[in-house]
N, C-alpha and C. Protein backbone atom coordinates (compact mmCIF):
# COMPACT_ATOMS: atom_id res chain seq x y z
N UNK A 1 146.92 -52.13 32.77
CA UNK A 1 146.45 -50.83 32.35
C UNK A 1 145.92 -50.93 30.94
N UNK A 2 145.12 -49.95 30.53
CA UNK A 2 144.60 -49.89 29.17
C UNK A 2 145.49 -49.00 28.32
N UNK A 3 145.64 -49.39 27.04
CA UNK A 3 146.43 -48.60 26.09
C UNK A 3 145.92 -48.86 24.68
N UNK A 4 146.04 -47.85 23.84
CA UNK A 4 145.79 -48.03 22.41
C UNK A 4 147.06 -48.65 21.85
N UNK A 5 146.93 -49.80 21.21
CA UNK A 5 148.10 -50.56 20.78
C UNK A 5 148.15 -50.69 19.26
N UNK A 6 149.35 -50.47 18.73
CA UNK A 6 149.64 -50.72 17.33
C UNK A 6 150.36 -52.07 17.27
N UNK A 7 149.67 -53.10 16.75
CA UNK A 7 150.25 -54.44 16.65
C UNK A 7 150.99 -54.66 15.34
N UNK A 8 150.63 -53.87 14.32
CA UNK A 8 151.24 -54.00 12.99
C UNK A 8 151.20 -52.63 12.32
N UNK A 9 152.17 -52.38 11.47
CA UNK A 9 152.19 -51.13 10.71
C UNK A 9 150.92 -51.09 9.86
N UNK A 10 150.23 -49.95 9.92
CA UNK A 10 148.97 -49.84 9.19
C UNK A 10 148.38 -48.46 9.33
N UNK A 11 147.10 -48.40 9.59
CA UNK A 11 146.37 -47.14 9.69
C UNK A 11 145.92 -46.91 11.13
N UNK A 12 145.67 -45.66 11.49
CA UNK A 12 145.22 -45.37 12.86
C UNK A 12 143.95 -46.13 13.26
N UNK A 13 143.07 -46.37 12.31
CA UNK A 13 141.84 -47.10 12.65
C UNK A 13 142.10 -48.57 13.00
N UNK A 14 143.33 -49.04 12.75
CA UNK A 14 143.69 -50.41 13.12
C UNK A 14 144.14 -50.53 14.58
N UNK A 15 144.35 -49.40 15.26
CA UNK A 15 144.73 -49.43 16.67
C UNK A 15 143.62 -50.06 17.49
N UNK A 16 143.98 -50.76 18.55
CA UNK A 16 143.00 -51.40 19.41
C UNK A 16 143.27 -51.06 20.87
N UNK A 17 142.19 -50.81 21.61
CA UNK A 17 142.29 -50.59 23.05
C UNK A 17 142.47 -51.96 23.70
N UNK A 18 143.58 -52.13 24.42
CA UNK A 18 143.90 -53.42 25.02
C UNK A 18 144.32 -53.26 26.47
N UNK A 19 144.20 -54.34 27.19
CA UNK A 19 144.73 -54.43 28.55
C UNK A 19 146.16 -54.92 28.42
N UNK A 20 147.13 -54.14 28.91
CA UNK A 20 148.54 -54.50 28.79
C UNK A 20 149.24 -54.25 30.12
N UNK A 21 150.44 -54.78 30.25
CA UNK A 21 151.26 -54.52 31.43
C UNK A 21 151.73 -53.07 31.40
N UNK A 22 151.83 -52.45 32.56
CA UNK A 22 152.39 -51.10 32.64
C UNK A 22 153.84 -51.15 32.17
N UNK A 23 154.32 -50.09 31.53
CA UNK A 23 155.71 -50.10 31.05
C UNK A 23 156.70 -50.18 32.21
N UNK A 24 157.80 -50.88 31.97
CA UNK A 24 158.85 -50.97 32.98
C UNK A 24 159.52 -49.61 33.12
N UNK A 25 159.73 -49.17 34.35
CA UNK A 25 160.36 -47.88 34.60
C UNK A 25 161.83 -48.08 34.93
N UNK A 26 162.70 -47.36 34.22
CA UNK A 26 164.13 -47.39 34.53
C UNK A 26 164.41 -46.55 35.78
N UNK A 27 165.56 -46.76 36.38
CA UNK A 27 165.93 -46.03 37.60
C UNK A 27 166.00 -44.52 37.41
N UNK A 28 166.24 -44.07 36.16
CA UNK A 28 166.40 -42.64 35.90
C UNK A 28 165.13 -42.01 35.31
N UNK A 29 164.00 -42.69 35.42
CA UNK A 29 162.75 -42.21 34.82
C UNK A 29 161.70 -41.87 35.87
N UNK A 30 160.63 -41.24 35.36
CA UNK A 30 159.42 -40.97 36.12
C UNK A 30 158.29 -41.82 35.55
N UNK A 31 157.36 -42.23 36.39
CA UNK A 31 156.13 -42.86 35.91
C UNK A 31 155.03 -41.82 36.04
N UNK A 32 154.25 -41.67 34.96
CA UNK A 32 153.21 -40.64 34.90
C UNK A 32 151.86 -41.29 34.64
N UNK A 33 150.86 -40.91 35.44
CA UNK A 33 149.48 -41.31 35.16
C UNK A 33 148.95 -40.30 34.14
N UNK A 34 148.60 -40.78 32.97
CA UNK A 34 148.18 -39.90 31.88
C UNK A 34 146.74 -39.44 32.10
N UNK A 35 146.54 -38.13 32.10
CA UNK A 35 145.21 -37.54 32.19
C UNK A 35 144.71 -37.07 30.83
N UNK A 36 145.63 -36.69 29.94
CA UNK A 36 145.28 -36.24 28.59
C UNK A 36 146.47 -36.50 27.68
N UNK A 37 146.18 -36.86 26.44
CA UNK A 37 147.25 -37.09 25.46
C UNK A 37 146.88 -36.40 24.16
N UNK A 38 147.90 -35.95 23.45
CA UNK A 38 147.70 -35.31 22.16
C UNK A 38 147.91 -36.35 21.06
N UNK A 39 147.31 -36.09 19.92
CA UNK A 39 147.54 -36.91 18.74
C UNK A 39 148.04 -35.97 17.65
N UNK A 40 149.28 -36.17 17.23
CA UNK A 40 149.93 -35.31 16.25
C UNK A 40 150.17 -36.06 14.95
N UNK A 41 150.43 -35.31 13.89
CA UNK A 41 150.69 -35.93 12.59
C UNK A 41 151.82 -36.95 12.66
N UNK A 42 152.93 -36.67 13.38
CA UNK A 42 153.97 -37.70 13.49
C UNK A 42 153.48 -39.01 14.13
N UNK A 43 152.47 -38.94 14.99
CA UNK A 43 151.90 -40.17 15.55
C UNK A 43 151.27 -41.03 14.46
N UNK A 44 150.56 -40.36 13.55
CA UNK A 44 149.95 -41.07 12.42
C UNK A 44 151.04 -41.70 11.56
N UNK A 45 152.07 -40.90 11.24
CA UNK A 45 153.18 -41.42 10.42
C UNK A 45 153.87 -42.59 11.10
N UNK A 46 154.02 -42.55 12.42
CA UNK A 46 154.65 -43.65 13.16
C UNK A 46 153.84 -44.93 13.02
N UNK A 47 152.53 -44.83 13.17
CA UNK A 47 151.65 -46.00 13.02
C UNK A 47 151.74 -46.56 11.60
N UNK A 48 151.92 -45.67 10.62
CA UNK A 48 152.01 -46.08 9.21
C UNK A 48 153.42 -46.55 8.83
N UNK A 49 154.38 -46.44 9.76
CA UNK A 49 155.76 -46.82 9.47
C UNK A 49 156.49 -45.82 8.61
N UNK A 50 156.01 -44.58 8.54
CA UNK A 50 156.59 -43.56 7.67
C UNK A 50 157.37 -42.48 8.42
N UNK A 51 157.50 -42.62 9.73
CA UNK A 51 158.21 -41.61 10.51
C UNK A 51 159.63 -42.07 10.76
N UNK A 52 160.54 -41.12 11.01
CA UNK A 52 161.95 -41.48 11.21
C UNK A 52 162.16 -42.39 12.42
N UNK A 53 161.35 -42.21 13.47
CA UNK A 53 161.43 -43.08 14.65
C UNK A 53 160.49 -44.26 14.44
N UNK A 54 161.03 -45.46 14.52
CA UNK A 54 160.23 -46.66 14.30
C UNK A 54 160.32 -47.56 15.54
N UNK A 55 159.39 -47.38 16.48
CA UNK A 55 159.42 -48.20 17.70
C UNK A 55 159.12 -49.66 17.37
N UNK A 56 159.65 -50.58 18.17
CA UNK A 56 159.35 -52.00 17.93
C UNK A 56 157.88 -52.29 18.22
N UNK A 57 157.32 -53.20 17.45
CA UNK A 57 155.93 -53.64 17.64
C UNK A 57 155.88 -54.64 18.78
N UNK A 58 154.78 -54.71 19.47
CA UNK A 58 153.67 -53.75 19.51
C UNK A 58 154.07 -52.53 20.34
N UNK A 59 153.39 -51.41 20.10
CA UNK A 59 153.66 -50.20 20.87
C UNK A 59 152.40 -49.38 21.01
N UNK A 60 152.41 -48.51 22.02
CA UNK A 60 151.33 -47.54 22.20
C UNK A 60 151.82 -46.23 21.59
N UNK A 61 151.13 -45.71 20.57
CA UNK A 61 151.54 -44.43 20.00
C UNK A 61 151.32 -43.30 21.00
N UNK A 62 151.68 -42.12 20.58
CA UNK A 62 151.47 -40.92 21.39
C UNK A 62 152.78 -40.32 21.84
N UNK A 63 153.15 -39.21 21.22
CA UNK A 63 154.42 -38.55 21.51
C UNK A 63 154.38 -37.69 22.76
N UNK A 64 153.19 -37.17 23.11
CA UNK A 64 153.13 -36.21 24.21
C UNK A 64 151.84 -36.38 25.01
N UNK A 65 151.95 -36.04 26.29
CA UNK A 65 150.80 -36.17 27.18
C UNK A 65 150.96 -35.25 28.38
N UNK A 66 149.95 -35.24 29.20
CA UNK A 66 149.99 -34.51 30.46
C UNK A 66 149.35 -35.38 31.53
N UNK A 67 149.87 -35.26 32.73
CA UNK A 67 149.32 -36.07 33.81
C UNK A 67 150.00 -35.78 35.13
N UNK A 68 150.02 -36.80 35.97
CA UNK A 68 150.52 -36.66 37.34
C UNK A 68 151.63 -37.68 37.58
N UNK A 69 152.73 -37.22 38.14
CA UNK A 69 153.82 -38.12 38.50
C UNK A 69 153.32 -39.06 39.60
N UNK A 70 153.50 -40.38 39.38
CA UNK A 70 153.08 -41.34 40.40
C UNK A 70 154.25 -42.13 40.98
N UNK A 71 155.42 -42.05 40.31
CA UNK A 71 156.62 -42.71 40.85
C UNK A 71 157.86 -42.01 40.28
N UNK A 72 158.90 -41.98 41.09
CA UNK A 72 160.16 -41.35 40.70
C UNK A 72 161.27 -42.37 40.89
N UNK A 73 162.00 -42.66 39.82
CA UNK A 73 163.12 -43.59 39.93
C UNK A 73 164.20 -43.04 40.84
N UNK A 74 164.94 -43.92 41.53
CA UNK A 74 165.95 -43.47 42.49
C UNK A 74 167.08 -42.64 41.88
N UNK A 75 167.29 -42.75 40.57
CA UNK A 75 168.35 -41.98 39.91
C UNK A 75 167.78 -40.87 39.03
N UNK A 76 166.47 -40.61 39.13
CA UNK A 76 165.84 -39.57 38.31
C UNK A 76 166.23 -38.19 38.82
N UNK A 77 166.63 -37.33 37.89
CA UNK A 77 166.97 -35.95 38.24
C UNK A 77 165.75 -35.06 38.02
N UNK A 78 165.88 -33.80 38.36
CA UNK A 78 164.84 -32.83 38.05
C UNK A 78 163.98 -32.40 39.21
N UNK A 79 164.07 -33.08 40.33
CA UNK A 79 163.32 -32.66 41.50
C UNK A 79 161.83 -32.94 41.45
N UNK A 80 161.39 -33.80 40.54
CA UNK A 80 159.96 -34.15 40.48
C UNK A 80 159.59 -35.06 41.64
N UNK A 81 158.32 -34.93 42.07
CA UNK A 81 157.81 -35.74 43.18
C UNK A 81 156.45 -36.30 42.81
N UNK A 82 156.04 -37.42 43.41
CA UNK A 82 154.69 -37.91 43.18
C UNK A 82 153.67 -36.81 43.47
N UNK A 83 152.68 -36.72 42.60
CA UNK A 83 151.66 -35.70 42.73
C UNK A 83 151.89 -34.48 41.84
N UNK A 84 153.12 -34.30 41.34
CA UNK A 84 153.39 -33.16 40.47
C UNK A 84 152.61 -33.26 39.17
N UNK A 85 152.04 -32.13 38.75
CA UNK A 85 151.35 -32.04 37.45
C UNK A 85 152.40 -31.74 36.38
N UNK A 86 152.45 -32.61 35.35
CA UNK A 86 153.50 -32.49 34.35
C UNK A 86 152.98 -32.73 32.94
N UNK A 87 153.74 -32.21 31.97
CA UNK A 87 153.56 -32.59 30.57
C UNK A 87 154.84 -33.30 30.16
N UNK A 88 154.71 -34.27 29.26
CA UNK A 88 155.86 -35.09 28.90
C UNK A 88 155.89 -35.36 27.40
N UNK A 89 157.10 -35.57 26.90
CA UNK A 89 157.31 -35.90 25.50
C UNK A 89 158.27 -37.10 25.41
N UNK A 90 157.79 -38.29 25.81
CA UNK A 90 158.66 -39.46 25.76
C UNK A 90 158.89 -40.00 24.36
N UNK A 91 158.14 -39.51 23.37
CA UNK A 91 158.30 -39.94 21.99
C UNK A 91 157.33 -41.01 21.55
N UNK A 92 156.90 -41.84 22.48
CA UNK A 92 155.93 -42.90 22.20
C UNK A 92 155.36 -43.36 23.53
N UNK A 93 154.15 -43.93 23.49
CA UNK A 93 153.58 -44.53 24.69
C UNK A 93 152.52 -43.72 25.41
N UNK A 94 152.20 -42.53 24.92
CA UNK A 94 151.27 -41.66 25.65
C UNK A 94 149.80 -42.03 25.51
N UNK A 95 149.44 -42.86 24.54
CA UNK A 95 148.04 -43.27 24.41
C UNK A 95 147.81 -44.48 25.32
N UNK A 96 148.10 -44.27 26.59
CA UNK A 96 147.99 -45.31 27.60
C UNK A 96 147.67 -44.65 28.94
N UNK A 97 147.27 -45.47 29.89
CA UNK A 97 146.95 -44.93 31.22
C UNK A 97 148.19 -44.49 31.98
N UNK A 98 149.34 -45.10 31.67
CA UNK A 98 150.60 -44.74 32.31
C UNK A 98 151.71 -44.73 31.27
N UNK A 99 152.69 -43.86 31.48
CA UNK A 99 153.85 -43.79 30.61
C UNK A 99 155.07 -43.49 31.46
N UNK A 100 156.23 -43.94 31.03
CA UNK A 100 157.48 -43.61 31.71
C UNK A 100 158.28 -42.66 30.83
N UNK A 101 158.93 -41.69 31.45
CA UNK A 101 159.69 -40.70 30.69
C UNK A 101 160.91 -40.25 31.48
N UNK A 102 161.95 -39.91 30.75
CA UNK A 102 163.15 -39.34 31.36
C UNK A 102 162.83 -37.91 31.77
N UNK A 103 163.30 -37.46 32.93
CA UNK A 103 163.00 -36.10 33.39
C UNK A 103 163.37 -34.99 32.41
N UNK A 104 164.35 -35.23 31.52
CA UNK A 104 164.71 -34.23 30.52
C UNK A 104 163.58 -33.98 29.53
N UNK A 105 162.61 -34.89 29.48
CA UNK A 105 161.47 -34.77 28.57
C UNK A 105 160.17 -34.46 29.31
N UNK A 106 160.29 -34.02 30.56
CA UNK A 106 159.13 -33.75 31.41
C UNK A 106 159.22 -32.31 31.93
N UNK A 107 158.06 -31.63 31.93
CA UNK A 107 158.01 -30.23 32.33
C UNK A 107 156.82 -30.01 33.26
N UNK A 108 157.01 -29.17 34.27
CA UNK A 108 155.92 -28.84 35.20
C UNK A 108 154.83 -28.06 34.48
N UNK A 109 153.59 -28.31 34.85
CA UNK A 109 152.45 -27.58 34.30
C UNK A 109 152.06 -26.48 35.29
N UNK A 110 151.97 -25.24 34.83
CA UNK A 110 151.49 -24.17 35.73
C UNK A 110 150.08 -24.49 36.23
N UNK A 111 149.75 -24.02 37.42
CA UNK A 111 148.46 -24.30 38.04
C UNK A 111 147.27 -23.84 37.20
N UNK A 112 147.45 -22.78 36.40
CA UNK A 112 146.33 -22.24 35.62
C UNK A 112 146.19 -22.89 34.24
N UNK A 113 146.93 -23.95 33.97
CA UNK A 113 146.86 -24.65 32.68
C UNK A 113 146.26 -26.03 32.91
N UNK A 114 145.26 -26.39 32.09
CA UNK A 114 144.61 -27.69 32.22
C UNK A 114 145.49 -28.81 31.65
N UNK A 115 145.20 -30.03 32.05
CA UNK A 115 145.90 -31.18 31.47
C UNK A 115 145.68 -31.22 29.96
N UNK A 116 144.45 -30.92 29.53
CA UNK A 116 144.13 -30.98 28.10
C UNK A 116 144.96 -29.97 27.30
N UNK A 117 145.10 -28.77 27.81
CA UNK A 117 145.89 -27.75 27.11
C UNK A 117 147.38 -28.11 27.12
N UNK A 118 147.86 -28.61 28.24
CA UNK A 118 149.28 -28.96 28.35
C UNK A 118 149.65 -30.15 27.48
N UNK A 119 148.71 -31.08 27.30
CA UNK A 119 149.01 -32.30 26.54
C UNK A 119 149.42 -32.01 25.11
N UNK A 120 148.91 -30.96 24.52
CA UNK A 120 149.21 -30.64 23.13
C UNK A 120 150.21 -29.51 22.95
N UNK A 121 150.97 -29.19 23.98
CA UNK A 121 151.85 -28.03 23.92
C UNK A 121 153.23 -28.33 23.34
N UNK A 122 153.88 -29.38 23.79
CA UNK A 122 155.31 -29.59 23.53
C UNK A 122 155.62 -29.74 22.04
N UNK A 123 154.93 -30.63 21.35
CA UNK A 123 155.23 -30.87 19.93
C UNK A 123 154.91 -29.64 19.09
N UNK A 124 153.77 -29.00 19.36
CA UNK A 124 153.40 -27.80 18.60
C UNK A 124 154.41 -26.69 18.84
N UNK A 125 154.72 -26.42 20.09
CA UNK A 125 155.70 -25.38 20.41
C UNK A 125 157.05 -25.70 19.78
N UNK A 126 157.49 -26.93 19.90
CA UNK A 126 158.78 -27.33 19.33
C UNK A 126 158.82 -27.18 17.83
N UNK A 127 157.72 -27.50 17.15
CA UNK A 127 157.65 -27.36 15.70
C UNK A 127 157.76 -25.89 15.30
N UNK A 128 157.01 -25.04 15.98
CA UNK A 128 157.04 -23.60 15.68
C UNK A 128 158.43 -23.03 15.96
N UNK A 129 159.00 -23.38 17.09
CA UNK A 129 160.34 -22.88 17.44
C UNK A 129 161.35 -23.30 16.37
N UNK A 130 161.32 -24.56 15.98
CA UNK A 130 162.25 -25.06 14.96
C UNK A 130 162.07 -24.30 13.64
N UNK A 131 160.81 -24.09 13.24
CA UNK A 131 160.55 -23.39 11.98
C UNK A 131 161.03 -21.94 12.03
N UNK A 132 160.69 -21.24 13.09
CA UNK A 132 161.00 -19.81 13.17
C UNK A 132 162.46 -19.53 13.51
N UNK A 133 163.02 -20.25 14.46
CA UNK A 133 164.36 -19.94 14.95
C UNK A 133 165.43 -20.73 14.22
N UNK A 134 165.28 -22.06 14.18
CA UNK A 134 166.32 -22.88 13.56
C UNK A 134 166.34 -22.75 12.04
N UNK A 135 165.19 -22.87 11.41
CA UNK A 135 165.13 -22.82 9.94
C UNK A 135 165.00 -21.40 9.41
N UNK A 136 164.17 -20.59 10.05
CA UNK A 136 163.91 -19.24 9.56
C UNK A 136 164.87 -18.19 10.07
N UNK A 137 165.70 -18.53 11.05
CA UNK A 137 166.68 -17.61 11.64
C UNK A 137 166.03 -16.31 12.11
N UNK A 138 164.80 -16.39 12.62
CA UNK A 138 164.10 -15.21 13.13
C UNK A 138 164.83 -14.68 14.36
N UNK A 139 165.02 -13.37 14.40
CA UNK A 139 165.74 -12.72 15.49
C UNK A 139 164.82 -11.75 16.22
N UNK A 140 165.13 -11.43 17.49
CA UNK A 140 164.33 -10.44 18.23
C UNK A 140 164.23 -9.13 17.44
N UNK A 141 163.02 -8.58 17.41
CA UNK A 141 162.78 -7.33 16.70
C UNK A 141 162.31 -7.51 15.27
N UNK A 142 162.47 -8.70 14.71
CA UNK A 142 162.01 -8.96 13.35
C UNK A 142 160.52 -9.29 13.36
N UNK A 143 159.87 -9.09 12.23
CA UNK A 143 158.44 -9.39 12.09
C UNK A 143 158.26 -10.63 11.23
N UNK A 144 157.11 -11.25 11.41
CA UNK A 144 156.78 -12.46 10.66
C UNK A 144 155.31 -12.43 10.31
N UNK A 145 154.98 -12.76 9.08
CA UNK A 145 153.59 -12.85 8.64
C UNK A 145 153.28 -14.32 8.40
N UNK A 146 152.28 -14.84 9.10
CA UNK A 146 151.84 -16.22 8.92
C UNK A 146 150.60 -16.19 8.05
N UNK A 147 150.70 -16.76 6.85
CA UNK A 147 149.59 -16.76 5.90
C UNK A 147 148.66 -17.95 6.09
N UNK A 148 149.14 -18.99 6.72
CA UNK A 148 148.32 -20.17 6.96
C UNK A 148 148.97 -21.02 8.03
N UNK A 149 148.16 -21.74 8.78
CA UNK A 149 148.70 -22.57 9.85
C UNK A 149 147.87 -23.83 9.99
N UNK A 150 147.78 -24.58 8.91
CA UNK A 150 146.99 -25.81 8.94
C UNK A 150 147.86 -26.96 8.45
N UNK A 151 147.55 -28.17 8.92
CA UNK A 151 148.31 -29.35 8.53
C UNK A 151 147.94 -29.79 7.18
């Protein structure tokens, strides 16, 4: 399969498209054919070696993606089946044609949502939720004014 590979800590422009072996799937995982992947600021930091998660080299960056389940491990939970449209947040590996993910990090995509829209949902939603609920302690009925929303 093809994947964007980080061979050494550096800059995003140092990534190279390479032919690599498909990732090994554990018994409790799903294999997903990637149709769209997001690129987030933490992906850049990971390639630069500045993020808290430091995958072993070489690796395919990409925290989140959307695609189609193509295999289900015999011990995988969640009721997913081959052909299901899903978005996933395995943490790394999404800038590839295939990725493996634990079902706890995989979510069904509604029929009216495109792969492209779903691919960039999980990290953005999680960041906003963490900021508003966990850090900001926002409660139902309260108001919030957002003055800017740029990286």
